[in-house]
C-alpha atoms as a PDB file:
ATOM      1  CA  MET A   1     -36.513   2.989  28.213  1.00  0.00           C
ATOM      2  CA  LEU A   2     -34.478   2.824  25.013  1.00  0.00           C
ATOM      3  CA  PRO A   3     -31.256   4.308  26.529  1.00  0.00           C
ATOM      4  CA  LYS A   4     -31.459   1.778  29.379  1.00  0.00           C
ATOM      5  CA  LEU A   5     -31.796  -1.034  26.839  1.00  0.00           C
ATOM      6  CA  ILE A   6     -28.704   0.196  24.977  1.00  0.00           C
ATOM      7  CA  VAL A   7     -26.739   0.373  28.222  1.00  0.00           C
ATOM      8  CA  GLN A   8     -27.814  -3.147  29.106  1.00  0.00           C
ATOM      9  CA  LEU A   9     -26.710  -4.452  25.716  1.00  0.00           C
ATOM     10  CA  GLN A  10     -23.291  -2.803  25.726  1.00  0.00           C
ATOM     11  CA  PRO A  11     -21.500  -5.107  28.214  1.00  0.00           C
ATOM     12  CA  PRO A  12     -22.393  -8.346  26.354  1.00  0.00           C
ATOM     13  CA  VAL A  13     -21.294  -6.789  23.068  1.00  0.00           C
ATOM     14  CA  ALA A  14     -18.028  -5.626  24.630  1.00  0.00           C
ATOM     15  CA  VAL A  15     -17.453  -9.080  26.098  1.00  0.00           C
ATOM     16  CA  TYR A  16     -18.173 -10.699  22.732  1.00  0.00           C
ATOM     17  CA  LEU A  17     -15.712  -8.445  20.941  1.00  0.00           C
ATOM     18  CA  ALA A  18     -13.094  -9.055  23.605  1.00  0.00           C
ATOM     19  CA  LEU A  19     -13.553 -12.815  23.320  1.00  0.00           C
ATOM     20  CA  ALA A  20     -13.430 -12.651  19.521  1.00  0.00           C
ATOM     21  CA  GLY A  21     -10.191 -10.658  19.657  1.00  0.00           C
ATOM     22  CA  SER A  22      -8.725 -13.046  22.216  1.00  0.00           C
ATOM     23  CA  ASN A  23      -9.680 -16.075  20.125  1.00  0.00           C
ATOM     24  CA  MET A  24      -8.149 -14.518  17.012  1.00  0.00           C
ATOM     25  CA  LEU A  25      -4.908 -13.783  18.864  1.00  0.00           C
ATOM     26  CA  ASP A  26      -4.805 -17.316  20.232  1.00  0.00           C
ATOM     27  CA  TYR A  27      -5.407 -18.681  16.744  1.00  0.00           C
ATOM     28  CA  LEU A  28      -2.563 -16.606  15.284  1.00  0.00           C
ATOM     29  CA  GLN A  29      -0.187 -17.642  18.045  1.00  0.00           C
ATOM     30  CA  ILE A  30      -0.916 -21.325  17.468  1.00  0.00           C
ATOM     31  CA  THR A  31      -0.939 -21.102  13.675  1.00  0.00           C
ATOM     32  CA  LEU A  32       2.163 -18.941  13.262  1.00  0.00           C
ATOM     33  CA  MET A  33       3.993 -20.217  16.380  1.00  0.00           C
ATOM     34  CA  LEU A  34       4.753 -16.648  17.487  1.00  0.00           C
ATOM     35  CA  SER A  35       3.964 -14.860  20.764  1.00  0.00           C
ATOM     36  CA  PRO A  36       1.915 -11.613  20.787  1.00  0.00           C
ATOM     37  CA  LEU A  37       5.114  -9.574  21.167  1.00  0.00           C
ATOM     38  CA  GLU A  38       6.770 -11.465  18.318  1.00  0.00           C
ATOM     39  CA  LEU A  39       3.708 -10.908  16.123  1.00  0.00           C
ATOM     40  CA  THR A  40       3.810  -7.181  16.849  1.00  0.00           C
ATOM     41  CA  VAL A  41       7.543  -6.879  16.169  1.00  0.00           C
ATOM     42  CA  SER A  42       7.270  -8.964  12.992  1.00  0.00           C
ATOM     43  CA  THR A  43       4.440  -6.796  11.664  1.00  0.00           C
ATOM     44  CA  ALA A  44       6.344  -3.562  12.356  1.00  0.00           C
ATOM     45  CA  VAL A  45       9.599  -4.836  10.827  1.00  0.00           C
ATOM     46  CA  VAL A  46       7.882  -6.137   7.688  1.00  0.00           C
ATOM     47  CA  PHE A  47       6.018  -2.860   7.150  1.00  0.00           C
ATOM     48  CA  VAL A  48       9.238  -0.817   7.387  1.00  0.00           C
ATOM     49  CA  ALA A  49      11.026  -3.337   5.148  1.00  0.00           C
ATOM     50  CA  GLY A  50       8.206  -3.027   2.602  1.00  0.00           C
ATOM     51  CA  MET A  51       8.577   0.754   2.609  1.00  0.00           C
ATOM     52  CA  VAL A  52      12.313   0.423   1.975  1.00  0.00           C
ATOM     53  CA  ARG A  53      11.644  -2.002  -0.895  1.00  0.00           C
ATOM     54  CA  GLY A  54       9.100   0.436  -2.324  1.00  0.00           C
ATOM     55  CA  PHE A  55      11.420   3.428  -2.540  1.00  0.00           C
ATOM     56  CA  ALA A  56      14.832   1.752  -2.857  1.00  0.00           C
ATOM     57  CA  GLY A  57      14.002  -1.331  -4.943  1.00  0.00           C
ATOM     58  CA  PHE A  58      15.838  -3.693  -2.567  1.00  0.00           C
ATOM     59  CA  GLY A  59      16.471  -4.269   1.134  1.00  0.00           C
ATOM     60  CA  LEU A  60      13.223  -6.008   2.092  1.00  0.00           C
ATOM     61  CA  SER A  61      14.777  -9.373   2.957  1.00  0.00           C
ATOM     62  CA  ALA A  62      17.866  -7.781   4.496  1.00  0.00           C
ATOM     63  CA  LEU A  63      15.766  -5.714   6.895  1.00  0.00           C
ATOM     64  CA  VAL A  64      13.472  -8.618   7.720  1.00  0.00           C
ATOM     65  CA  MET A  65      16.467 -10.874   8.342  1.00  0.00           C
ATOM     66  CA  ALA A  66      18.310  -8.280  10.435  1.00  0.00           C
ATOM     67  CA  GLY A  67      15.188  -7.420  12.417  1.00  0.00           C
ATOM     68  CA  LEU A  68      13.753 -10.884  13.000  1.00  0.00           C
ATOM     69  CA  ALA A  69      16.700 -13.310  12.954  1.00  0.00           C
ATOM     70  CA  LEU A  70      16.716 -13.472  16.759  1.00  0.00           C
ATOM     71  CA  ILE A  71      12.989 -14.293  16.767  1.00  0.00           C
ATOM     72  CA  ILE A  72      12.824 -16.702  13.828  1.00  0.00           C
ATOM     73  CA  PRO A  73      15.894 -18.793  12.860  1.00  0.00           C
ATOM     74  CA  PRO A  74      17.314 -17.864   9.424  1.00  0.00           C
ATOM     75  CA  VAL A  75      16.592 -21.358   8.079  1.00  0.00           C
ATOM     76  CA  SER A  76      12.878 -20.691   8.763  1.00  0.00           C
ATOM     77  CA  LEU A  77      13.003 -17.001   7.840  1.00  0.00           C
ATOM     78  CA  ILE A  78      14.547 -17.457   4.365  1.00  0.00           C
ATOM     79  CA  PRO A  79      11.392 -19.001   2.779  1.00  0.00           C
ATOM     80  CA  VAL A  80       9.223 -16.309   4.419  1.00  0.00           C
ATOM     81  CA  CYS A  81      11.493 -13.630   2.922  1.00  0.00           C
ATOM     82  CA  PHE A  82      11.237 -15.372  -0.444  1.00  0.00           C
ATOM     83  CA  LEU A  83       7.436 -15.262  -0.393  1.00  0.00           C
ATOM     84  CA  LEU A  84       7.358 -11.651   0.774  1.00  0.00           C
ATOM     85  CA  GLU A  85       9.817 -10.705  -1.995  1.00  0.00           C
ATOM     86  CA  GLY A  86       7.487 -12.409  -4.437  1.00  0.00           C
ATOM     87  CA  THR A  87       4.551 -10.371  -3.167  1.00  0.00           C
ATOM     88  CA  ALA A  88       6.530  -7.134  -3.467  1.00  0.00           C
ATOM     89  CA  SER A  89       7.823  -8.038  -6.935  1.00  0.00           C
ATOM     90  CA  MET A  90       4.313  -8.598  -8.268  1.00  0.00           C
ATOM     91  CA  ILE A  91       3.475  -5.026  -7.299  1.00  0.00           C
ATOM     92  CA  MET A  92       6.687  -3.427  -8.588  1.00  0.00           C
ATOM     93  CA  ILE A  93       7.507  -5.499 -11.672  1.00  0.00           C
ATOM     94  CA  ARG A  94       5.864  -3.114 -14.152  1.00  0.00           C
ATOM     95  CA  GLY A  95       8.497  -0.492 -13.463  1.00  0.00           C
ATOM     96  CA  GLY A  96      11.180  -3.174 -13.580  1.00  0.00           C
ATOM     97  CA  PHE A  97      10.359  -4.224 -17.142  1.00  0.00           C
ATOM     98  CA  LYS A  98      10.048  -0.633 -18.277  1.00  0.00           C
ATOM     99  CA  ASN A  99      13.293   0.897 -17.006  1.00  0.00           C
ATOM    100  CA  ALA A 100      15.633  -2.016 -16.246  1.00  0.00           C
ATOM    101  CA  ASP A 101      18.720  -3.083 -18.174  1.00  0.00           C
ATOM    102  CA  ARG A 102      17.388  -6.505 -19.130  1.00  0.00           C
ATOM    103  CA  LYS A 103      20.717  -7.875 -20.366  1.00  0.00           C
ATOM    104  CA  ILE A 104      22.284  -7.202 -16.985  1.00  0.00           C
ATOM    105  CA  ALA A 105      19.273  -8.511 -15.069  1.00  0.00           C
ATOM    106  CA  TYR A 106      19.229 -11.773 -17.062  1.00  0.00           C
ATOM    107  CA  GLY A 107      22.977 -12.315 -16.600  1.00  0.00           C
ATOM    108  CA  LEU A 108      22.711 -11.769 -12.863  1.00  0.00           C
ATOM    109  CA  ALA A 109      19.729 -14.104 -12.630  1.00  0.00           C
ATOM    110  CA  ILE A 110      21.644 -16.903 -14.403  1.00  0.00           C
ATOM    111  CA  GLY A 111      24.568 -16.638 -11.990  1.00  0.00           C
ATOM    112  CA  SER A 112      22.203 -16.443  -9.022  1.00  0.00           C
ATOM    113  CA  ALA A 113      20.388 -19.626 -10.055  1.00  0.00           C
ATOM    114  CA  ILE A 114      23.681 -21.498  -9.727  1.00  0.00           C
ATOM    115  CA  GLY A 115      24.661 -19.893  -6.425  1.00  0.00           C
ATOM    116  CA  VAL A 116      21.405 -20.311  -4.465  1.00  0.00           C
ATOM    117  CA  PRO A 117      21.683 -24.075  -3.752  1.00  0.00           C
ATOM    118  CA  PHE A 118      25.196 -23.663  -2.333  1.00  0.00           C
ATOM    119  CA  GLY A 119      23.951 -20.989   0.053  1.00  0.00           C
ATOM    120  CA  LEU A 120      20.991 -23.111   1.107  1.00  0.00           C
ATOM    121  CA  LEU A 121      23.226 -26.127   1.722  1.00  0.00           C
ATOM    122  CA  THR A 122      25.425 -24.002   3.965  1.00  0.00           C
ATOM    123  CA  THR A 123      22.432 -22.759   5.951  1.00  0.00           C
ATOM    124  CA  LEU A 124      21.011 -26.260   6.363  1.00  0.00           C
ATOM    125  CA  ASN A 125      24.300 -27.740   7.566  1.00  0.00           C
ATOM    126  CA  VAL A 126      25.233 -25.290  10.311  1.00  0.00           C
ATOM    127  CA  SER A 127      23.674 -24.634  13.723  1.00  0.00           C
ATOM    128  CA  VAL A 128      20.976 -21.993  14.234  1.00  0.00           C
ATOM    129  CA  ASP A 129      23.411 -19.739  16.127  1.00  0.00           C
ATOM    130  CA  THR A 130      26.016 -20.041  13.369  1.00  0.00           C
ATOM    131  CA  SER A 131      23.454 -19.306  10.658  1.00  0.00           C
ATOM    132  CA  ARG A 132      22.369 -16.166  12.561  1.00  0.00           C
ATOM    133  CA  LEU A 133      25.983 -14.987  12.828  1.00  0.00           C
ATOM    134  CA  LEU A 134      26.572 -15.658   9.120  1.00  0.00           C
ATOM    135  CA  ALA A 135      23.408 -13.855   8.043  1.00  0.00           C
ATOM    136  CA  LEU A 136      23.889 -10.791  10.241  1.00  0.00           C
ATOM    137  CA  SER A 137      27.613 -10.531   9.449  1.00  0.00           C
ATOM    138  CA  LEU A 138      26.937 -10.705   5.713  1.00  0.00           C
ATOM    139  CA  ILE A 139      24.290  -7.980   5.986  1.00  0.00           C
ATOM    140  CA  LEU A 140      26.683  -5.794   7.999  1.00  0.00           C
ATOM    141  CA  VAL A 141      29.549  -6.134   5.487  1.00  0.00           C
ATOM    142  CA  LEU A 142      27.333  -5.466   2.464  1.00  0.00           C
ATOM    143  CA  ALA A 143      25.701  -2.456   4.112  1.00  0.00           C
ATOM    144  CA  PHE A 144      29.080  -0.924   5.021  1.00  0.00           C
ATOM    145  CA  LEU A 145      30.411  -1.439   1.486  1.00  0.00           C
ATOM    146  CA  GLN A 146      27.410   0.365   0.008  1.00  0.00           C
ATOM    147  CA  LEU A 147      27.363   3.117   2.625  1.00  0.00           C
ATOM    148  CA  PHE A 148      30.966   4.063   1.824  1.00  0.00           C
ATOM    149  CA  ASN A 149      30.601   3.423  -1.948  1.00  0.00           C
ATOM    150  CA  LYS A 150      33.177   0.643  -1.912  1.00  0.00           C
ATOM    151  CA  SER A 151      32.615  -1.667  -4.837  1.00  0.00           C
ATOM    152  CA  PRO A 152      35.310  -3.850  -6.481  1.00  0.00           C
ATOM    153  CA  ALA A 153      36.167  -2.502  -9.928  1.00  0.00           C
ATOM    154  CA  PHE A 154      36.057  -5.949 -11.548  1.00  0.00           C
ATOM    155  CA  LEU A 155      32.299  -6.069 -10.944  1.00  0.00           C
ATOM    156  CA  ALA A 156      31.850  -3.661 -13.858  1.00  0.00           C
ATOM    157  CA  THR A 157      33.366  -6.192 -16.295  1.00  0.00           C
ATOM    158  CA  ARG A 158      31.592  -8.912 -18.244  1.00  0.00           C
ATOM    159  CA  PRO A 159      32.931 -11.753 -16.029  1.00  0.00           C
ATOM    160  CA  GLY A 160      32.019  -9.595 -13.032  1.00  0.00           C
ATOM    161  CA  LEU A 161      28.376  -9.749 -14.111  1.00  0.00           C
ATOM    162  CA  TYR A 162      28.170 -13.525 -13.719  1.00  0.00           C
ATOM    163  CA  ILE A 163      30.412 -13.620 -10.646  1.00  0.00           C
ATOM    164  CA  THR A 164      28.133 -11.075  -9.012  1.00  0.00           C
ATOM    165  CA  GLY A 165      25.112 -13.221  -9.869  1.00  0.00           C
ATOM    166  CA  LEU A 166      26.809 -16.291  -8.393  1.00  0.00           C
ATOM    167  CA  ILE A 167      27.680 -14.464  -5.158  1.00  0.00           C
ATOM    168  CA  ALA A 168      24.178 -12.980  -5.028  1.00  0.00           C
ATOM    169  CA  GLY A 169      22.705 -16.469  -5.276  1.00  0.00           C
ATOM    170  CA  PHE A 170      24.916 -17.711  -2.458  1.00  0.00           C
ATOM    171  CA  ALA A 171      23.953 -14.684  -0.353  1.00  0.00           C
ATOM    172  CA  THR A 172      20.294 -15.422  -1.074  1.00  0.00           C
ATOM    173  CA  GLY A 173      20.721 -18.941   0.259  1.00  0.00           C
ATOM    174  CA  ILE A 174      22.509 -17.697   3.379  1.00  0.00           C
ATOM    175  CA  ALA A 175      20.376 -14.705   4.299  1.00  0.00           C
ATOM    176  CA  SER A 176      18.058 -13.737   1.392  1.00  0.00           C
ATOM    177  CA  VAL A 177      20.237 -10.678   0.655  1.00  0.00           C
ATOM    178  CA  GLY A 178      21.125 -11.272  -2.999  1.00  0.00           C
ATOM    179  CA  GLY A 179      19.665  -7.886  -3.889  1.00  0.00           C
ATOM    180  CA  MET A 180      22.307  -6.130  -1.812  1.00  0.00           C
ATOM    181  CA  VAL A 181      25.104  -7.900  -3.694  1.00  0.00           C
ATOM    182  CA  VAL A 182      23.548  -6.851  -6.994  1.00  0.00           C
ATOM    183  CA  ALA A 183      23.295  -3.298  -5.689  1.00  0.00           C
ATOM    184  CA  LEU A 184      27.110  -3.320  -5.341  1.00  0.00           C
ATOM    185  CA  TYR A 185      27.377  -4.359  -8.998  1.00  0.00           C
ATOM    186  CA  VAL A 186      25.134  -1.509 -10.091  1.00  0.00           C
ATOM    187  CA  LEU A 187      27.137   0.863  -7.884  1.00  0.00           C
ATOM    188  CA  ALA A 188      30.332  -0.169  -9.690  1.00  0.00           C
ATOM    189  CA  GLN A 189      28.735   0.936 -12.962  1.00  0.00           C
ATOM    190  CA  ASN A 190      27.635   4.336 -11.624  1.00  0.00           C
ATOM    191  CA  ALA A 191      24.169   3.687 -13.030  1.00  0.00           C
ATOM    192  CA  PRO A 192      21.340   6.236 -12.601  1.00  0.00           C
ATOM    193  CA  ALA A 193      19.100   5.746  -9.570  1.00  0.00           C
ATOM    194  CA  THR A 194      16.043   4.869 -11.674  1.00  0.00           C
ATOM    195  CA  ARG A 195      17.951   2.253 -13.664  1.00  0.00           C
ATOM    196  CA  MET A 196      19.468   0.757 -10.496  1.00  0.00           C
ATOM    197  CA  ARG A 197      16.083   0.473  -8.835  1.00  0.00           C
ATOM    198  CA  ALA A 198      14.403  -1.043 -11.891  1.00  0.00           C
ATOM    199  CA  SER A 199      17.219  -3.542 -12.580  1.00  0.00           C
ATOM    200  CA  LEU A 200      17.113  -4.720  -8.982  1.00  0.00           C
ATOM    201  CA  VAL A 201      13.347  -5.162  -9.177  1.00  0.00           C
ATOM    202  CA  LEU A 202      13.636  -7.231 -12.373  1.00  0.00           C
ATOM    203  CA  PHE A 203      16.503  -9.335 -10.986  1.00  0.00           C
ATOM    204  CA  LEU A 204      14.569 -10.119  -7.813  1.00  0.00           C
ATOM    205  CA  PHE A 205      11.503 -11.024  -9.872  1.00  0.00           C
ATOM    206  CA  LEU A 206      13.479 -13.419 -12.096  1.00  0.00           C
ATOM    207  CA  GLY A 207      15.132 -14.977  -9.069  1.00  0.00           C
ATOM    208  CA  LEU A 208      11.764 -15.976  -7.642  1.00  0.00           C
ATOM    209  CA  PHE A 209      11.392 -18.868 -10.058  1.00  0.00           C
ATOM    210  CA  THR A 210      14.762 -20.536  -9.434  1.00  0.00           C
ATOM    211  CA  SER A 211      14.588 -19.859  -5.692  1.00  0.00           C
ATOM    212  CA  ALA A 212      11.156 -21.483  -5.547  1.00  0.00           C
ATOM    213  CA  ILE A 213      12.586 -24.664  -7.072  1.00  0.00           C
ATOM    214  CA  TRP A 214      15.604 -24.851  -4.734  1.00  0.00           C
ATOM    215  CA  LEU A 215      13.592 -23.991  -1.607  1.00  0.00           C
ATOM    216  CA  SER A 216      11.013 -26.652  -2.447  1.00  0.00           C
ATOM    217  CA  LEU A 217      13.664 -29.305  -3.106  1.00  0.00           C
ATOM    218  CA  SER A 218      15.425 -28.479   0.163  1.00  0.00           C
ATOM    219  CA  GLY A 219      12.185 -28.789   2.155  1.00  0.00           C
ATOM    220  CA  MET A 220      12.543 -25.254   3.570  1.00  0.00           C
ATOM    221  CA  LEU A 221       9.388 -23.969   1.876  1.00  0.00           C
ATOM    222  CA  ASP A 222       6.984 -25.645   4.303  1.00  0.00           C
ATOM    223  CA  ALA A 223       3.426 -24.981   5.497  1.00  0.00           C
ATOM    224  CA  LEU A 224       4.538 -22.823   8.438  1.00  0.00           C
ATOM    225  CA  ALA A 225       6.519 -20.506   6.157  1.00  0.00           C
ATOM    226  CA  VAL A 226       3.514 -20.149   3.855  1.00  0.00           C
ATOM    227  CA  LYS A 227       1.174 -19.340   6.781  1.00  0.00           C
ATOM    228  CA  ARG A 228       3.545 -16.696   8.131  1.00  0.00           C
ATOM    229  CA  ALA A 229       3.943 -15.160   4.687  1.00  0.00           C
ATOM    230  CA  VAL A 230       0.181 -15.093   4.089  1.00  0.00           C
ATOM    231  CA  PHE A 231      -0.313 -13.274   7.409  1.00  0.00           C
ATOM    232  CA  LEU A 232       2.424 -10.738   6.593  1.00  0.00           C
ATOM    233  CA  ALA A 233       1.574 -10.277   2.891  1.00  0.00           C
ATOM    234  CA  PRO A 234      -0.976  -7.446   3.438  1.00  0.00           C
ATOM    235  CA  VAL A 235       1.559  -5.710   5.678  1.00  0.00           C
ATOM    236  CA  VAL A 236       4.335  -5.834   3.073  1.00  0.00           C
ATOM    237  CA  ILE A 237       1.907  -4.679   0.360  1.00  0.00           C
ATOM    238  CA  ALA A 238       0.964  -1.648   2.456  1.00  0.00           C
ATOM    239  CA  GLY A 239       4.641  -0.918   3.048  1.00  0.00           C
ATOM    240  CA  VAL A 240       5.629  -1.236  -0.619  1.00  0.00           C
ATOM    241  CA  LEU A 241       2.779   1.000  -1.779  1.00  0.00           C
ATOM    242  CA  THR A 242       3.713   3.593   0.847  1.00  0.00           C
ATOM    243  CA  GLY A 243       7.386   3.465  -0.140  1.00  0.00           C
ATOM    244  CA  SER A 244       6.606   3.682  -3.853  1.00  0.00           C
ATOM    245  CA  TYR A 245       4.429   6.713  -3.226  1.00  0.00           C
ATOM    246  CA  LEU A 246       7.217   8.400  -1.267  1.00  0.00           C
ATOM    247  CA  PHE A 247       9.926   7.613  -3.862  1.00  0.00           C
ATOM    248  CA  ARG A 248      11.495  10.691  -5.422  1.00  0.00           C
ATOM    249  CA  PRO A 249      14.583  10.262  -7.670  1.00  0.00           C
ATOM    250  CA  SER A 250      16.025  13.519  -6.344  1.00  0.00           C
ATOM    251  CA  LEU A 251      16.059  12.094  -2.806  1.00  0.00           C
ATOM    252  CA  GLU A 252      17.524   8.695  -3.750  1.00  0.00           C
ATOM    253  CA  GLY A 253      20.802   9.392  -1.931  1.00  0.00           C
ATOM    254  CA  LEU A 254      18.961  10.207   1.286  1.00  0.00           C
ATOM    255  CA  TYR A 255      16.801   7.075   0.997  1.00  0.00           C
ATOM    256  CA  LYS A 256      19.848   4.900   0.447  1.00  0.00           C
ATOM    257  CA  ARG A 257      21.797   6.258   3.415  1.00  0.00           C
ATOM    258  CA  PHE A 258      18.753   5.891   5.663  1.00  0.00           C
ATOM    259  CA  CYS A 259      18.258   2.250   4.603  1.00  0.00           C
ATOM    260  CA  LEU A 260      21.920   1.351   5.044  1.00  0.00           C
ATOM    261  CA  VAL A 261      22.269   3.011   8.451  1.00  0.00           C
ATOM    262  CA  LEU A 262      19.099   1.219   9.566  1.00  0.00           C
ATOM    263  CA  LEU A 263      20.477  -2.101   8.325  1.00  0.00           C
ATOM    264  CA  ILE A 264      23.812  -1.551  10.055  1.00  0.00           C
ATOM    265  CA  GLY A 265      22.078  -0.681  13.328  1.00  0.00           C
ATOM    266  CA  LEU A 266      19.856  -3.760  13.199  1.00  0.00           C
ATOM    267  CA  ALA A 267      22.733  -6.067  12.223  1.00  0.00           C
ATOM    268  CA  VAL A 268      25.034  -4.743  14.962  1.00  0.00           C
ATOM    269  CA  THR A 269      22.273  -5.025  17.571  1.00  0.00           C
ATOM    270  CA  GLY A 270      21.505  -8.576  16.472  1.00  0.00           C
ATOM    271  CA  LEU A 271      25.167  -9.605  16.507  1.00  0.00           C
ATOM    272  CA  LEU A 272      25.731  -8.164  19.986  1.00  0.00           C
ATOM    273  CA  ARG A 273      22.661  -9.937  21.363  1.00  0.00           C
ATOM    274  CA  GLN A 274      23.687 -13.176  19.670  1.00  0.00           C
ATOM    275  CA  LEU A 275      27.264 -12.999  21.013  1.00  0.00           C
ATOM    276  CA  GLN A 276      25.997 -12.236  24.506  1.00  0.00           C
ATOM    277  CA  GLY A 277      23.935 -15.406  24.327  1.00  0.00           C
END
């Protein structure tokens, strides 16, 4: 009698679970304004981007932008990247304070604070298609420069510190890729991998405060961006923790090449799809 009762109860339970899952998916689609496929792609991209951030110290926003710019317009994706960077920074900041060159990080942050509003103004005053082309092109150029170790010599000078910060701020406003510009500055100094990673982490943490002000004033940091970031926050946390666990200083060169090749592939794919209309 008991087995029959269990069998009779199974279909209603299965139906209930199916309905609950369907209702949750419908709720997410309405709340986040993303289709099931877009939700799946966004989750996968953010997890990989979190892993890259965990073992390289940068690249989260660049990967998210390169991977999702054709799904979410850059003007809407920038505040999401900002909030995800904030989540990642809260996890990684301990190492940033411990190993970073604070003088360099502070100088870069000052320049970035000035550059961010100019980047945001550019993004807000161009079409969605143009902003996608700008963001993906910028990612492609920066990734190629790092992949082939091409960094202007003047970046290693004192004025180069603040100029780099200014350009990083502008790049943050265009495509949330200020960390990649700073990585070029660190490359010009031939800094150790641990110092590079920590300085980038500290710079990105400091930039959160000024970026929050500019994004709020511009109206880009809206309720939809917050909802999307809240949904993706656990995913980026899992990615960062996984990447941090996998980080080995001896394999830093391999990590970097992998990240840059991945970025180049995503940027090229996005540009080709955008140009094809």
